[in-house]
Amino acid sequence: METNGKKTFATIASILAIFLLTVNTFLMAVVLNKADDKIDNLVQQAASTQMRLNDFESMFDSDDSIESNLIRQIRELQERVGFLEASAGSAVNAYNKIVDSVVYIETTTSFFGGKAGSGFVYRADGYIITSQHVISNARNISVTLPDLKTTVSATVVASDFDRDIALLKVTVPANITLTAAKLGNISNVTPGQGVLIIGYPLSSYLAHAKPSAFFGIVSAIKQETSANQNNRYYTHIQADAAMNNGNSGGPVVNMNGEVIGIVSWGFDYDIMENIGFALAINEIQNFLIANASKIV
C-alpha cells in the first residue's frame, strides 16, 4: 500500500509539473507575442519618424530652403542695421551742415492760390536755387530765410524748363547773414551711398520750423526727363528717400553735407514706392555756367 501511494503521488506530481510547464510555455508565448507586436509597432513608428526627419533634412539641404532664405534675410537685415547705425552719426552731421542754407519758397500764381516748395542758398549775397516747376507762372515769389522769421520777395534770374531748375535773387536784410551750401561732385556719387533729402514737405504747415530730413540711399544714376516731362533727358539721381510735395527744389546732400542734386519729382502711385529723382549736381553746374553772365 505504501508503494502504490508513492507511485500515485509521483504520477500526480508529474502531471502537475507537465501542466505547469505547459501553462508557463503558453504564457511565455503570449507575452513574447505581445512584445513582438509592441516591438513591430515601435519599429514602424521609428521608420515613419525617420522618413519625416529625412524629408525635413532634405528641405534644409536645398539652396532655396527655408533655412537658407531665413539666414539670407537675417544677414541682409544685419547689414542694413549696421549700415544705418554707421550712417546715423554722418546723417546728423550732414543735416547740421546744410540746414542753415535751406529756404522755404511760396508763390502766387493767381487770385485763387499758388505753389510752394523748397530751395537752398547758392551764394550768400542772395542767390537761391530751386526747381523751375516751383516758380513757373508765378506772379509773386516769397522766400522764408533759414532764420524762419524773415520772408523776402524774390525775382527770377534764370530758369531752365528742360532741366527743371531756376535761380532766384533776394535782397538780404542787413541783419541777416546767409550761409551758402557747399556743392559736391557727381564723380563721387555712387549707388548705395547714403543721402539726405532736406526741405519742407506739406509746405506752409512746416514753413516756420526747421526743414525736415529724409534719409535714404542712392539707387541709381541715370538719364531721365525732368518733372516737366518734356522728353529731354538729363542726369538724375534716383534715391529711395521720401520726396513729398513741398520737397521740390530742396537739396539732396551726401553724408558730408554737400549738395549733389535738387529734388525734381517722384512717383506717388500705389504700385510704386520709394522712387524719386533729383537733378544731378553736374546738371546744376552746367546750368550755372550757362547763366554765369546773369550772376553779378
Protein backbone atom coordinates (compact mmCIF):
# COMPACT_ATOMS: atom_id res chain seq x y z
CA MET A 1 0.00 0.00 0.00
CA GLU A 2 2.82 2.35 0.75
CA THR A 3 4.47 1.62 -2.60
CA ASN A 4 1.22 2.27 -4.52
CA GLY A 5 0.75 5.57 -2.64
CA LYS A 6 4.18 6.74 -3.62
CA LYS A 7 3.51 5.86 -7.29
CA THR A 8 0.22 7.71 -7.26
CA PHE A 9 1.82 10.81 -5.69
CA ALA A 10 4.68 10.69 -8.24
CA THR A 11 2.19 10.41 -11.10
CA ILE A 12 0.14 13.36 -9.84
CA ALA A 13 3.32 15.42 -9.32
CA SER A 14 4.48 14.57 -12.85
CA ILE A 15 1.09 15.56 -14.34
CA LEU A 16 1.08 18.78 -12.31
CA ALA A 17 4.63 19.57 -13.41
CA ILE A 18 3.72 18.95 -17.05
CA PHE A 19 0.60 21.13 -16.63
CA LEU A 20 2.56 23.95 -15.05
CA LEU A 21 5.23 23.72 -17.73
CA THR A 22 2.56 23.85 -20.44
CA VAL A 23 0.86 26.88 -18.82
CA ASN A 24 4.22 28.63 -18.41
CA THR A 25 5.12 27.91 -22.01
CA PHE A 26 1.71 29.27 -23.14
CA LEU A 27 2.09 32.42 -21.04
CA MET A 28 5.61 32.96 -22.31
CA ALA A 29 4.35 32.63 -25.86
CA VAL A 30 1.58 35.14 -25.20
CA VAL A 31 3.98 37.61 -23.59
CA LEU A 32 6.53 37.20 -26.33
CA ASN A 33 3.83 37.57 -28.99
CA LYS A 34 2.61 40.79 -27.41
CA ALA A 35 6.18 42.01 -27.02
CA ASP A 36 6.79 41.26 -30.70
CA ASP A 37 3.68 43.27 -31.59
CA LYS A 38 4.90 46.18 -29.50
CA ILE A 39 8.37 45.95 -31.00
CA ASP A 40 6.91 45.83 -34.51
CA ASN A 41 4.80 48.89 -33.69
CA LEU A 42 7.79 50.72 -32.30
CA VAL A 43 9.85 49.80 -35.37
CA GLN A 44 7.11 51.13 -37.65
CA GLN A 45 6.90 54.36 -35.69
CA ALA A 46 10.66 54.73 -35.76
CA ALA A 47 10.71 54.20 -39.52
CA SER A 48 7.95 56.76 -40.01
CA THR A 49 9.76 59.28 -37.83
CA GLN A 50 13.00 58.69 -39.73
CA MET A 51 11.22 59.33 -43.03
CA ARG A 52 9.93 62.64 -41.69
CA LEU A 53 13.39 63.57 -40.47
CA ASN A 54 14.83 62.71 -43.88
CA ASP A 55 12.24 64.92 -45.57
CA PHE A 56 12.98 67.73 -43.11
CA GLU A 57 16.74 67.41 -43.66
CA SER A 58 16.35 67.35 -47.43
CA MET A 59 14.35 70.57 -47.23
CA PHE A 60 17.22 72.26 -45.40
CA ASP A 61 19.78 70.79 -47.80
CA SER A 62 18.26 72.74 -50.72
CA ASP A 63 19.84 76.08 -51.76
CA ASP A 64 16.38 77.60 -51.77
CA SER A 65 15.43 76.08 -48.44
CA ILE A 66 13.60 77.89 -45.70
CA GLU A 67 16.76 77.87 -43.63
CA SER A 68 18.80 79.46 -46.43
CA ASN A 69 16.15 82.10 -47.02
CA LEU A 70 15.92 82.89 -43.33
CA ILE A 71 19.68 83.10 -42.96
CA ARG A 72 19.93 85.32 -46.02
CA GLN A 73 17.19 87.63 -44.77
CA ILE A 74 18.76 87.82 -41.32
CA ARG A 75 22.12 88.73 -42.84
CA GLU A 76 20.52 91.36 -45.05
CA LEU A 77 18.78 92.86 -42.02
CA GLN A 78 22.02 92.80 -40.06
CA GLU A 79 23.82 94.55 -42.91
CA ARG A 80 21.02 97.12 -43.17
CA VAL A 81 21.08 97.75 -39.41
CA GLY A 82 24.85 98.08 -39.49
CA PHE A 83 24.62 100.49 -42.41
CA LEU A 84 22.00 102.60 -40.62
CA GLU A 85 24.00 102.65 -37.40
CA ALA A 86 27.15 103.67 -39.26
CA SER A 87 25.27 106.35 -41.18
CA ALA A 88 23.33 107.80 -38.25
CA GLY A 89 26.15 109.98 -36.99
CA SER A 90 27.08 111.05 -40.51
CA ALA A 91 23.46 111.93 -41.30
CA VAL A 92 23.20 114.21 -38.26
CA ASN A 93 26.47 115.85 -39.24
CA ALA A 94 25.27 116.31 -42.82
CA TYR A 95 21.97 117.82 -41.68
CA ASN A 96 23.74 120.30 -39.42
CA LYS A 97 25.96 121.41 -42.31
CA ILE A 98 23.09 122.08 -44.74
CA VAL A 99 20.19 123.15 -42.52
CA ASP A 100 21.22 126.85 -42.39
CA SER A 101 21.20 127.01 -46.18
CA VAL A 102 17.68 125.66 -46.82
CA VAL A 103 14.79 128.04 -47.59
CA TYR A 104 11.02 127.78 -47.97
CA ILE A 105 9.53 129.16 -51.20
CA GLU A 106 5.93 130.16 -51.82
CA THR A 107 4.43 131.61 -54.96
CA THR A 108 1.21 133.26 -56.06
CA THR A 109 0.06 132.14 -59.48
CA SER A 110 -3.49 133.52 -59.44
CA PHE A 111 -6.02 135.16 -57.20
CA PHE A 112 -7.02 131.70 -56.00
CA GLY A 113 -3.72 130.26 -54.89
CA GLY A 114 -0.20 129.31 -55.77
CA LYS A 115 2.53 126.78 -55.23
CA ALA A 116 5.17 126.05 -52.65
CA GLY A 117 8.46 124.24 -52.43
CA SER A 118 12.00 124.34 -51.11
CA GLY A 119 15.36 125.72 -52.20
CA PHE A 120 18.87 126.40 -50.97
CA VAL A 121 21.30 129.29 -50.80
CA TYR A 122 23.76 129.19 -53.67
CA ARG A 123 25.56 132.41 -52.77
CA ALA A 124 25.47 134.37 -49.53
CA ASP A 125 24.62 137.59 -51.36
CA GLY A 126 21.09 136.35 -52.06
CA TYR A 127 21.15 133.78 -54.88
CA ILE A 128 18.79 130.85 -54.34
CA ILE A 129 18.46 127.63 -56.36
CA THR A 130 15.14 125.77 -56.68
CA SER A 131 13.11 123.79 -59.21
CA GLN A 132 11.62 125.57 -62.20
CA HIS A 133 8.21 124.00 -61.71
CA VAL A 134 8.03 125.51 -58.20
CA ILE A 135 8.11 129.08 -59.57
CA SER A 136 6.54 128.57 -63.00
CA ASN A 137 3.76 131.07 -63.84
CA ALA A 138 4.40 132.87 -60.56
CA ARG A 139 3.10 136.42 -60.17
CA ASN A 140 4.90 136.80 -56.86
CA ILE A 141 7.63 134.76 -55.18
CA SER A 142 8.41 134.90 -51.47
CA VAL A 143 11.30 133.21 -49.72
CA THR A 144 11.42 132.42 -45.99
CA LEU A 145 15.06 132.55 -44.98
CA PRO A 146 16.76 129.99 -42.71
CA ASP A 147 16.20 132.11 -39.61
CA LEU A 148 12.50 131.12 -40.05
CA LYS A 149 11.41 134.68 -39.20
CA THR A 150 12.32 136.64 -42.28
CA THR A 151 10.37 136.45 -45.53
CA VAL A 152 11.54 138.44 -48.56
CA SER A 153 10.46 138.80 -52.18
CA ALA A 154 12.44 137.10 -54.94
CA THR A 155 12.95 137.63 -58.64
CA VAL A 156 13.86 135.05 -61.27
CA VAL A 157 17.42 135.46 -62.56
CA ALA A 158 17.37 132.42 -64.85
CA SER A 159 15.36 129.26 -65.36
CA ASP A 160 15.64 126.11 -67.43
CA PHE A 161 12.37 124.36 -68.24
CA ASP A 162 14.11 121.29 -69.68
CA ARG A 163 16.30 120.66 -66.65
CA ASP A 164 13.64 121.92 -64.20
CA ILE A 165 15.91 124.34 -62.36
CA ALA A 166 15.72 128.04 -61.53
CA LEU A 167 17.97 130.67 -59.98
CA LEU A 168 16.34 133.34 -57.79
CA LYS A 169 17.68 136.56 -56.26
CA VAL A 170 16.60 138.08 -52.94
CA THR A 171 17.72 141.19 -51.17
CA VAL A 172 19.34 140.09 -47.95
CA PRO A 173 18.40 142.25 -44.93
CA ALA A 174 21.33 143.91 -43.18
CA ASN A 175 20.75 141.93 -40.00
CA ILE A 176 20.80 138.58 -41.80
CA THR A 177 23.84 136.58 -42.87
CA LEU A 178 23.16 133.77 -45.29
CA THR A 179 25.23 130.60 -45.47
CA ALA A 180 25.89 129.23 -48.95
CA ALA A 181 25.57 125.48 -49.43
CA LYS A 182 28.65 123.57 -50.47
CA LEU A 183 28.32 121.84 -53.83
CA GLY A 184 29.51 118.27 -54.31
CA ASN A 185 30.82 116.36 -57.33
CA ILE A 186 28.90 113.85 -59.46
CA SER A 187 32.02 111.69 -59.81
CA ASN A 188 31.81 110.92 -56.09
CA VAL A 189 28.17 109.80 -56.23
CA THR A 190 27.70 106.03 -56.33
CA PRO A 191 24.71 103.71 -55.88
CA GLY A 192 24.42 102.52 -52.29
CA GLN A 193 25.74 105.63 -50.60
CA GLY A 194 23.63 107.46 -48.05
CA VAL A 195 21.82 110.70 -48.88
CA LEU A 196 19.52 113.18 -47.14
CA ILE A 197 16.54 114.91 -48.72
CA ILE A 198 16.10 118.29 -46.99
CA GLY A 199 13.07 120.53 -47.38
CA TYR A 200 9.54 121.47 -46.45
CA PRO A 201 7.02 118.69 -47.15
CA LEU A 202 3.41 119.72 -46.53
CA SER A 203 4.57 123.23 -47.50
CA SER A 204 3.20 126.02 -45.31
CA TYR A 205 2.30 123.66 -42.46
CA LEU A 206 6.01 123.33 -41.69
CA ALA A 207 7.27 126.60 -43.11
CA HIS A 208 8.20 128.11 -39.76
CA ALA A 209 10.09 125.12 -38.40
CA LYS A 210 13.44 123.61 -39.24
CA PRO A 211 13.35 121.74 -42.57
CA SER A 212 12.63 118.02 -42.49
CA ALA A 213 15.24 115.41 -43.31
CA PHE A 214 14.60 112.10 -45.05
CA PHE A 215 17.35 109.51 -45.13
CA GLY A 216 17.86 107.06 -47.99
CA ILE A 217 20.40 105.66 -50.39
CA VAL A 218 21.30 106.36 -53.98
CA SER A 219 19.52 103.73 -56.03
CA ALA A 220 20.95 104.66 -59.43
CA ILE A 221 22.39 107.44 -61.54
CA LYS A 222 20.54 107.62 -64.84
CA GLN A 223 19.29 109.75 -67.67
CA GLU A 224 15.71 110.85 -67.01
CA THR A 225 13.27 113.53 -68.05
CA SER A 226 12.53 116.34 -65.64
CA ALA A 227 9.30 116.90 -63.73
CA ASN A 228 8.11 118.84 -66.78
CA GLN A 229 8.10 115.57 -68.79
CA ASN A 230 9.50 117.17 -71.95
CA ASN A 231 11.15 114.03 -73.37
CA ARG A 232 14.63 115.52 -72.98
CA TYR A 233 16.95 113.51 -70.82
CA TYR A 234 19.42 114.76 -68.21
CA THR A 235 21.45 113.15 -65.45
CA HIS A 236 19.32 112.39 -62.42
CA ILE A 237 19.99 110.69 -59.11
CA GLN A 238 17.41 108.08 -58.20
CA ALA A 239 17.02 107.69 -54.44
CA ASP A 240 14.72 105.76 -52.11
CA ALA A 241 14.36 108.65 -49.65
CA ALA A 242 10.91 110.21 -49.45
CA MET A 243 10.31 113.03 -51.93
CA ASN A 244 6.98 114.59 -51.00
CA ASN A 245 5.02 117.62 -52.13
CA GLY A 246 6.92 120.64 -50.89
CA ASN A 247 10.33 118.95 -51.17
CA SER A 248 10.67 120.07 -54.80
CA GLY A 249 13.67 122.33 -55.28
CA GLY A 250 15.23 121.25 -51.98
CA PRO A 251 18.77 119.91 -51.80
CA VAL A 252 19.86 116.29 -51.87
CA VAL A 253 23.08 116.05 -49.88
CA ASN A 254 25.69 113.41 -49.26
CA MET A 255 26.96 112.48 -45.81
CA ASN A 256 29.42 115.40 -45.95
CA GLY A 257 26.53 117.85 -46.27
CA GLU A 258 27.42 118.66 -49.89
CA VAL A 259 24.65 119.26 -52.43
CA ILE A 260 24.66 116.53 -55.06
CA GLY A 261 21.21 117.22 -56.53
CA ILE A 262 17.90 119.05 -56.20
CA VAL A 263 14.58 117.28 -55.77
CA SER A 264 12.68 117.17 -59.05
CA TRP A 265 9.95 114.56 -58.90
CA GLY A 266 8.87 111.22 -57.53
CA PHE A 267 6.27 108.52 -58.13
CA ASP A 268 3.16 108.74 -56.00
CA TYR A 269 1.37 105.68 -57.35
CA ASP A 270 0.22 102.88 -55.05
CA ILE A 271 2.20 100.32 -57.04
CA MET A 272 5.47 102.26 -56.78
CA GLU A 273 7.17 103.32 -53.58
CA ASN A 274 10.47 104.97 -52.71
CA ILE A 275 11.29 106.00 -56.26
CA GLY A 276 12.25 109.65 -56.61
CA PHE A 277 14.54 111.64 -58.88
CA ALA A 278 16.80 114.62 -58.27
CA LEU A 279 18.55 116.67 -60.93
CA ALA A 280 22.23 115.78 -60.51
CA ILE A 281 24.87 118.27 -59.43
CA ASN A 282 26.64 118.20 -62.81
CA GLU A 283 23.42 119.44 -64.47
CA ILE A 284 23.13 122.17 -61.81
CA GLN A 285 26.68 123.26 -62.56
CA ASN A 286 26.03 123.24 -66.32
CA PHE A 287 23.01 125.48 -65.72
CA LEU A 288 25.06 127.88 -63.59
CA ILE A 289 27.83 128.03 -66.17
CA ALA A 290 25.33 128.75 -68.94
CA ASN A 291 23.87 131.62 -66.92
CA ALA A 292 27.09 132.94 -65.36
CA SER A 293 26.69 136.31 -67.11
CA LYS A 294 23.43 136.92 -65.23
CA ILE A 295 25.03 136.44 -61.83
CA VAL A 296 26.60 139.68 -60.69
